[in-house]
Structure formats: structure tokens, C-alpha cells
Protein backbone atom coordinates (compact mmCIF):
# COMPACT_ATOMS: atom_id res chain seq x y z
CA UNK A 1 -0.05 -0.18 -0.11
CA UNK A 2 1.44 3.33 -0.95
CA UNK A 3 0.39 6.75 0.77
CA UNK A 4 -0.67 9.06 -1.87
CA UNK A 5 -0.69 12.82 -1.22
CA UNK A 6 -4.49 12.61 -0.95
CA UNK A 7 -4.25 9.80 1.87
CA UNK A 8 -1.84 11.79 3.75
CA UNK A 9 -3.77 15.07 4.20
CA UNK A 10 -6.86 13.16 4.99
CA UNK A 11 -4.75 11.46 7.62
CA UNK A 12 -3.70 14.74 8.83
CA UNK A 13 -6.95 16.09 8.91
CA UNK A 14 -8.63 13.08 10.77
CA UNK A 15 -5.62 12.81 13.30
CA UNK A 16 -6.38 16.46 14.12
CA UNK A 17 -9.83 15.92 14.84
CA UNK A 18 -9.05 13.26 17.29
CA UNK A 19 -10.18 10.27 15.42
CA UNK A 20 -8.59 6.99 16.51
CA UNK A 21 -6.31 5.40 14.34
CA UNK A 22 -8.87 2.34 13.69
CA UNK A 23 -11.36 5.07 12.67
CA UNK A 24 -8.85 6.66 10.23
CA UNK A 25 -8.09 3.31 8.73
CA UNK A 26 -11.46 2.64 8.14
CA UNK A 27 -12.33 6.19 6.79
CA UNK A 28 -9.09 6.12 4.17
CA UNK A 29 -9.73 2.37 3.49
CA UNK A 30 -7.23 -0.03 2.39
CA UNK A 31 -4.75 0.47 5.17
CA UNK A 32 -4.38 -1.01 8.41
CA UNK A 33 -4.70 0.66 12.02
CA UNK A 34 -0.84 0.18 12.38
CA UNK A 35 -0.12 1.49 9.15
CA UNK A 36 -2.00 4.78 10.14
CA UNK A 37 0.32 4.83 13.42
CA UNK A 38 3.19 4.29 11.64
CA UNK A 39 2.73 7.18 8.85
CA UNK A 40 1.65 9.40 11.94
CA UNK A 41 4.76 8.91 13.61
CA UNK A 42 6.88 9.36 10.58
CA UNK A 43 4.92 12.66 10.02
CA UNK A 44 5.47 13.73 13.69
CA UNK A 45 1.93 14.33 13.98
CA UNK A 46 1.04 15.03 17.78
CA UNK A 47 0.56 12.06 19.73
CA UNK A 48 -1.84 13.99 21.92
CA UNK A 49 -5.56 13.79 20.41
CA UNK A 50 -7.19 17.02 21.01
CA UNK A 51 -10.25 15.93 22.25
CA UNK A 52 -8.70 13.96 25.05
CA UNK A 53 -7.62 16.41 27.64
CA UNK A 54 -4.88 15.24 30.04
CA UNK A 55 -5.04 16.38 33.76
CA UNK A 56 -1.77 18.32 34.99
CA UNK A 57 0.07 16.50 37.58
CA UNK A 58 -0.68 19.27 39.82
CA UNK A 59 -4.71 18.57 39.59
CA UNK A 60 -3.56 14.85 39.94
CA UNK A 61 -1.75 15.46 43.28
CA UNK A 62 -4.37 17.83 44.45
CA UNK A 63 -7.40 15.47 44.00
CA UNK A 64 -5.40 12.50 45.44
CA UNK A 65 -4.60 14.48 48.77
CA UNK A 66 -8.16 15.65 48.82
CA UNK A 67 -9.25 11.78 48.47
CA UNK A 68 -6.76 10.63 51.30
CA UNK A 69 -8.12 13.32 53.76
CA UNK A 70 -11.61 12.29 53.16
CA UNK A 71 -10.59 8.62 53.74
CA UNK A 72 -8.71 9.30 56.92
CA UNK A 73 -11.56 11.45 58.19
CA UNK A 74 -14.05 8.82 57.26
CA UNK A 75 -12.02 6.08 58.91
CA UNK A 76 -11.36 8.09 61.93
CA UNK A 77 -15.10 9.30 62.52
CA UNK A 78 -16.22 5.77 62.53
CA UNK A 79 -14.27 4.86 65.24
CA UNK A 80 -14.94 8.04 66.99
CA UNK A 81 -18.62 7.78 66.52
CA UNK A 82 -18.63 4.37 68.36
CA UNK A 83 -19.20 4.98 72.21
CA UNK A 84 -17.07 2.48 73.80
CA UNK A 85 -18.20 1.31 77.09
CA UNK A 86 -16.49 -1.43 79.18
CA UNK A 87 -19.89 -2.63 79.96
CA UNK A 88 -20.87 -4.87 76.84
CA UNK A 89 -24.05 -6.62 76.42
CA UNK A 90 -23.75 -10.19 77.43
CA UNK A 91 -22.95 -12.88 74.56
CA UNK A 92 -26.26 -14.36 73.08
CA UNK A 93 -24.79 -17.44 71.61
CA UNK A 94 -26.57 -18.36 68.38
CA UNK A 95 -25.86 -21.26 65.84
CA UNK A 96 -25.96 -20.43 62.30
CA UNK A 97 -29.69 -20.89 61.58
CA UNK A 98 -30.63 -18.34 64.32
CA UNK A 99 -28.56 -15.59 63.12
CA UNK A 100 -30.46 -12.50 61.78
CA UNK A 101 -29.56 -9.36 60.37
CA UNK A 102 -29.12 -7.40 63.78
CA UNK A 103 -26.96 -10.25 65.26
CA UNK A 104 -23.20 -10.07 65.84
CA UNK A 105 -21.86 -12.95 63.31
CA UNK A 106 -18.46 -13.18 65.06
CA UNK A 107 -17.49 -16.80 65.27
CA UNK A 108 -16.70 -18.12 68.66
CA UNK A 109 -14.41 -21.60 68.57
CA UNK A 110 -13.70 -23.68 65.42
CA UNK A 111 -16.54 -24.90 63.32
CA UNK A 112 -15.62 -28.43 63.61
CA UNK A 113 -16.38 -28.54 67.59
CA UNK A 114 -19.67 -28.87 69.04
CA UNK A 115 -19.20 -25.92 71.14
CA UNK A 116 -18.93 -23.67 68.08
CA UNK A 117 -21.48 -20.76 68.17
CA UNK A 118 -21.62 -16.95 67.12
CA UNK A 119 -21.54 -14.12 69.30
CA UNK A 120 -25.33 -12.97 68.80
CA UNK A 121 -25.07 -9.64 70.52
CA UNK A 122 -26.81 -6.89 68.92
CA UNK A 123 -24.81 -5.60 65.64
CA UNK A 124 -24.15 -2.00 64.98
CA UNK A 125 -25.90 -0.52 62.05
CA UNK A 126 -24.54 -1.30 58.77
CA UNK A 127 -21.98 -3.72 60.42
CA UNK A 128 -22.03 -7.40 60.99
CA UNK A 129 -20.48 -7.24 64.52
CA UNK A 130 -21.09 -5.83 67.89
CA UNK A 131 -18.98 -3.17 69.44
CA UNK A 132 -16.63 -5.34 71.05
CA UNK A 133 -15.88 -7.50 67.69
CA UNK A 134 -15.96 -4.53 65.41
CA UNK A 135 -12.71 -3.37 67.29
CA UNK A 136 -11.27 -6.73 66.49
CA UNK A 137 -12.32 -6.72 63.08
CA UNK A 138 -11.32 -3.18 62.23
CA UNK A 139 -7.84 -2.74 63.53
CA UNK A 140 -5.54 0.23 63.21
CA UNK A 141 -3.29 0.04 59.88
CA UNK A 142 0.32 -1.07 60.53
CA UNK A 143 -0.57 -2.80 64.00
CA UNK A 144 -0.17 -6.54 64.58
CA UNK A 145 -2.64 -8.40 66.13
CA UNK A 146 -2.12 -8.60 69.95
CA UNK A 147 -2.90 -11.86 71.44
CA UNK A 148 -5.33 -11.54 74.26
CA UNK A 149 -7.16 -13.78 76.63
CA UNK A 150 -10.96 -14.01 75.77
CA UNK A 151 -11.76 -11.45 78.58
CA UNK A 152 -8.78 -9.24 78.47
CA UNK A 153 -9.19 -6.19 76.65
CA UNK A 154 -6.27 -5.34 74.25
CA UNK A 155 -3.93 -2.02 74.65
CA UNK A 156 -5.11 -0.51 71.41
CA UNK A 157 -8.92 -1.02 72.50
CA UNK A 158 -8.21 0.42 75.96
CA UNK A 159 -6.81 3.55 74.30
CA UNK A 160 -9.86 3.83 72.29
CA UNK A 161 -12.09 3.28 75.30
CA UNK A 162 -10.24 6.16 77.27
CA UNK A 163 -10.20 8.49 74.16
CA UNK A 164 -13.94 8.22 73.67
């Protein structure tokens, strides 16, 4: 396939309007998408298509910082909105069949054991767990899980209780 002067002018026109290489190849006819890309490259046509606007890195950095701030505020406010009490309601052991949408679904024990059950306390709105188990499930980033006895309250939870 040879590029005639007409085809080159048509390529420049369509490329400037922002058409894709596939669209240009189809319009001109008898050439492939790769031939269009190669010719555009040899003609030093701008790689940027006018209809696509690229965001500046400054706009990108600003939007990314705003999103990070919103995420941090959201996570922090979720925990601050919990009123942490040391007097949690007692467990209400339930089997899988007895769970409903308002029950804490924190598993206690191992599923293979006969003594296995779910917590059953009242779960918080929009969560699957009660206040106590929500603190176990959503630990701060970068903190390793602290091993605690069943009735012992971990240090990071104790700090949240004191700050509330």
C-alpha cells in the first residue's frame, strides 16, 4: 500500500480532529490501523489527541490528597462515633440458623467443634459485628494483632475506650 498525497492530507485532517487510528484506517480504506500509526509517527503528528484532555500532575496530586484526607476522616470518624463502653451486653450464643441481620456474626470457637457458636449480641447499624468484635475486626493499619485472653481487653482497644 502506498501513501498518496490525498491519503496523507486526509490522515492529517482526521488525526487533528481526534479520530483514533482504527477510525482513520476505516475511513481512508485499504490500510491497517498500524499503517496509520506508523505514518503519523513518521509525519511527527502530535501523539496527543485534541479531544482527550490530560490532567496536569498538579491537579492529580491535589485530587489524590483530597481523597486521602476524606478517607482518613471517614475511618477516624467511624471509630469516634462508636461510644465505647466497658460494659458490653452479654453474649447471646446463636447457631448459624438462628442468626438474623441484627445479630453479631463473630464466630466463637472452631466450626468443627460442637461448642462452636456466633456471638449473637446486637450488631451495629451497617456492620456485621457488635461493638466489641467490630474493634477486633477493624484494627488500626500497621498494627500486628495482639494476642489476648478472651476476657482481656487489648491495649489498642483500651486506648480507644479512654479517648472516647
